[in-house]
C-alpha cells in the first residue's frame, strides 16, 4: 500500500544545499524542505501514534512533519526524495505491530536458570587459589 500525499497538507520550500554540485551549490537553492501537516492527513489513531514514534525529532509540537532532502543536485530530484521519504514513513506507520503477550517462566525454567548460575559460580570459585589452613 502506498499512501498518496494530498497537496493541501504539504508545503515545500527550497534551501541552499551542501554536498555535490560544485559552484552551482552556492548559487541555486536545490535542497527541498517538505512540511506535512499530519492532522490534515486524517490518519487512524494507531497510525498517528506510530508515525510520531517513527518520526522522532522530525515531528514538531504543532503536528508538522519536516523532511529535508539535499542529496541530489537538482530541485526535482530532491523534491521526489523528500516526498518518497514522507510516504515511506506514513506507510511504515500503517503497519500494525503484533501485540506482545506477557509470559512467565515456568518453575522448571527458573530452577534450571538458578542451577546454571550456581554451576558457573562453582567453576569460578574453583579457579581461585587454594586456601591453606
Protein backbone atom coordinates (compact mmCIF):
# COMPACT_ATOMS: atom_id res chain seq x y z
CA UNK A 1 0.00 0.00 0.00
CA UNK A 2 1.46 3.34 -0.99
CA UNK A 3 -0.02 6.45 0.59
CA UNK A 4 -0.84 9.42 -1.64
CA UNK A 5 0.00 12.80 -0.11
CA UNK A 6 -2.70 15.44 -0.60
CA UNK A 7 -1.38 18.77 -1.90
CA UNK A 8 -3.26 20.84 0.70
CA UNK A 9 -1.33 19.12 3.53
CA UNK A 10 2.14 19.87 2.10
CA UNK A 11 4.31 22.95 1.99
CA UNK A 12 7.60 22.95 0.08
CA UNK A 13 10.49 25.35 0.43
CA UNK A 14 13.90 25.25 -1.15
CA UNK A 15 17.15 25.96 0.67
CA UNK A 16 20.78 26.31 -0.25
CA UNK A 17 22.18 22.80 -0.10
CA UNK A 18 25.52 21.39 0.89
CA UNK A 19 27.23 18.48 -0.82
CA UNK A 20 27.60 17.71 -4.54
CA UNK A 21 27.07 20.37 -7.14
CA UNK A 22 30.28 22.36 -7.41
CA UNK A 23 29.80 26.14 -7.70
CA UNK A 24 26.15 25.51 -8.56
CA UNK A 25 25.58 24.67 -4.88
CA UNK A 26 26.47 28.24 -3.90
CA UNK A 27 24.10 29.83 -6.42
CA UNK A 28 20.97 27.70 -6.55
CA UNK A 29 18.65 26.61 -3.74
CA UNK A 30 18.29 22.91 -4.52
CA UNK A 31 17.62 21.32 -1.12
CA UNK A 32 13.93 20.62 -0.54
CA UNK A 33 12.33 21.03 2.86
CA UNK A 34 8.91 19.41 2.92
CA UNK A 35 6.49 20.26 5.74
CA UNK A 36 3.46 17.99 6.07
CA UNK A 37 0.53 18.81 8.35
CA UNK A 38 -0.16 15.43 9.95
CA UNK A 39 -3.59 16.47 11.25
CA UNK A 40 -4.74 17.23 7.68
CA UNK A 41 -3.90 13.67 6.59
CA UNK A 42 -6.72 12.15 8.66
CA UNK A 43 -4.71 9.15 9.85
CA UNK A 44 -6.16 6.43 12.05
CA UNK A 45 -5.24 6.88 15.75
CA UNK A 46 -2.87 3.88 15.78
CA UNK A 47 -1.10 5.14 12.63
CA UNK A 48 -0.81 8.66 14.09
CA UNK A 49 0.81 7.33 17.30
CA UNK A 50 3.19 5.11 15.36
CA UNK A 51 4.12 7.96 13.00
CA UNK A 52 5.02 10.13 16.00
CA UNK A 53 7.30 7.33 17.25
CA UNK A 54 8.93 6.76 13.86
CA UNK A 55 9.40 10.44 13.01
CA UNK A 56 11.05 11.33 16.32
CA UNK A 57 12.67 14.76 16.07
CA UNK A 58 11.29 15.30 12.55
CA UNK A 59 7.85 15.91 14.12
CA UNK A 60 7.10 19.31 15.67
CA UNK A 61 4.78 20.01 18.60
CA UNK A 62 2.30 21.58 16.16
CA UNK A 63 1.93 18.30 14.27
CA UNK A 64 4.17 19.13 11.33
CA UNK A 65 6.45 16.51 9.86
CA UNK A 66 9.60 18.17 8.46
CA UNK A 67 11.76 16.25 6.00
CA UNK A 68 14.77 17.82 4.27
CA UNK A 69 16.32 16.22 1.18
CA UNK A 70 19.64 17.54 -0.09
CA UNK A 71 21.43 14.53 -1.50
CA UNK A 72 20.79 15.30 -5.20
CA UNK A 73 21.97 18.15 -7.41
CA UNK A 74 18.58 19.14 -8.79
CA UNK A 75 15.46 20.55 -7.17
CA UNK A 76 13.20 17.99 -8.78
CA UNK A 77 15.24 15.02 -7.57
CA UNK A 78 15.34 16.41 -4.01
CA UNK A 79 11.59 17.10 -4.12
CA UNK A 80 10.92 13.50 -5.17
CA UNK A 81 13.31 12.21 -2.48
CA UNK A 82 11.56 14.22 0.27
CA UNK A 83 8.11 13.03 -0.84
CA UNK A 84 9.31 9.44 -1.08
CA UNK A 85 10.71 9.57 2.48
CA UNK A 86 7.46 11.02 3.88
CA UNK A 87 5.41 8.35 2.11
CA UNK A 88 7.72 5.62 3.43
CA UNK A 89 7.25 6.94 6.99
CA UNK A 90 3.46 7.04 6.62
CA UNK A 91 3.37 3.55 5.07
CA UNK A 92 5.52 2.21 7.92
CA UNK A 93 3.16 3.85 10.43
CA UNK A 94 0.20 1.96 8.95
CA UNK A 95 1.81 -1.43 9.63
CA UNK A 96 0.31 -2.67 12.88
CA UNK A 97 2.68 -4.05 15.45
CA UNK A 98 1.98 -7.53 16.81
CA UNK A 99 0.64 -7.40 20.34
CA UNK A 100 3.09 -8.64 22.93
CA UNK A 101 1.75 -11.46 25.06
CA UNK A 102 3.20 -11.44 28.55
CA UNK A 103 4.71 -14.76 29.54
CA UNK A 104 6.14 -16.08 32.79
CA UNK A 105 8.95 -18.58 33.10
CA UNK A 106 7.88 -21.98 34.44
CA UNK A 107 9.14 -23.29 37.78
CA UNK A 108 11.41 -25.76 35.94
CA UNK A 109 12.89 -22.94 33.83
CA UNK A 110 13.59 -20.87 36.96
CA UNK A 111 15.24 -23.85 38.66
CA UNK A 112 17.36 -24.59 35.59
CA UNK A 113 18.49 -20.93 35.44
CA UNK A 114 19.47 -20.89 39.13
CA UNK A 115 21.29 -24.24 38.83
CA UNK A 116 23.24 -22.95 35.81
CA UNK A 117 24.21 -19.79 37.70
CA UNK A 118 25.35 -21.85 40.72
CA UNK A 119 27.36 -24.15 38.43
CA UNK A 120 29.13 -21.18 36.81
CA UNK A 121 29.80 -19.73 40.27
CA UNK A 122 31.34 -23.03 41.41
CA UNK A 123 33.59 -23.15 38.32
CA UNK A 124 34.83 -19.63 39.06
CA UNK A 125 35.33 -20.43 42.73
CA UNK A 126 37.47 -23.46 41.82
CA UNK A 127 39.74 -21.22 39.74
CA UNK A 128 40.85 -19.27 42.78
CA UNK A 129 43.98 -20.07 44.76
CA UNK A 130 43.51 -22.86 47.30
CA UNK A 131 43.14 -21.80 50.91
CA UNK A 132 45.87 -23.30 53.11
CA UNK A 133 44.82 -23.94 56.70
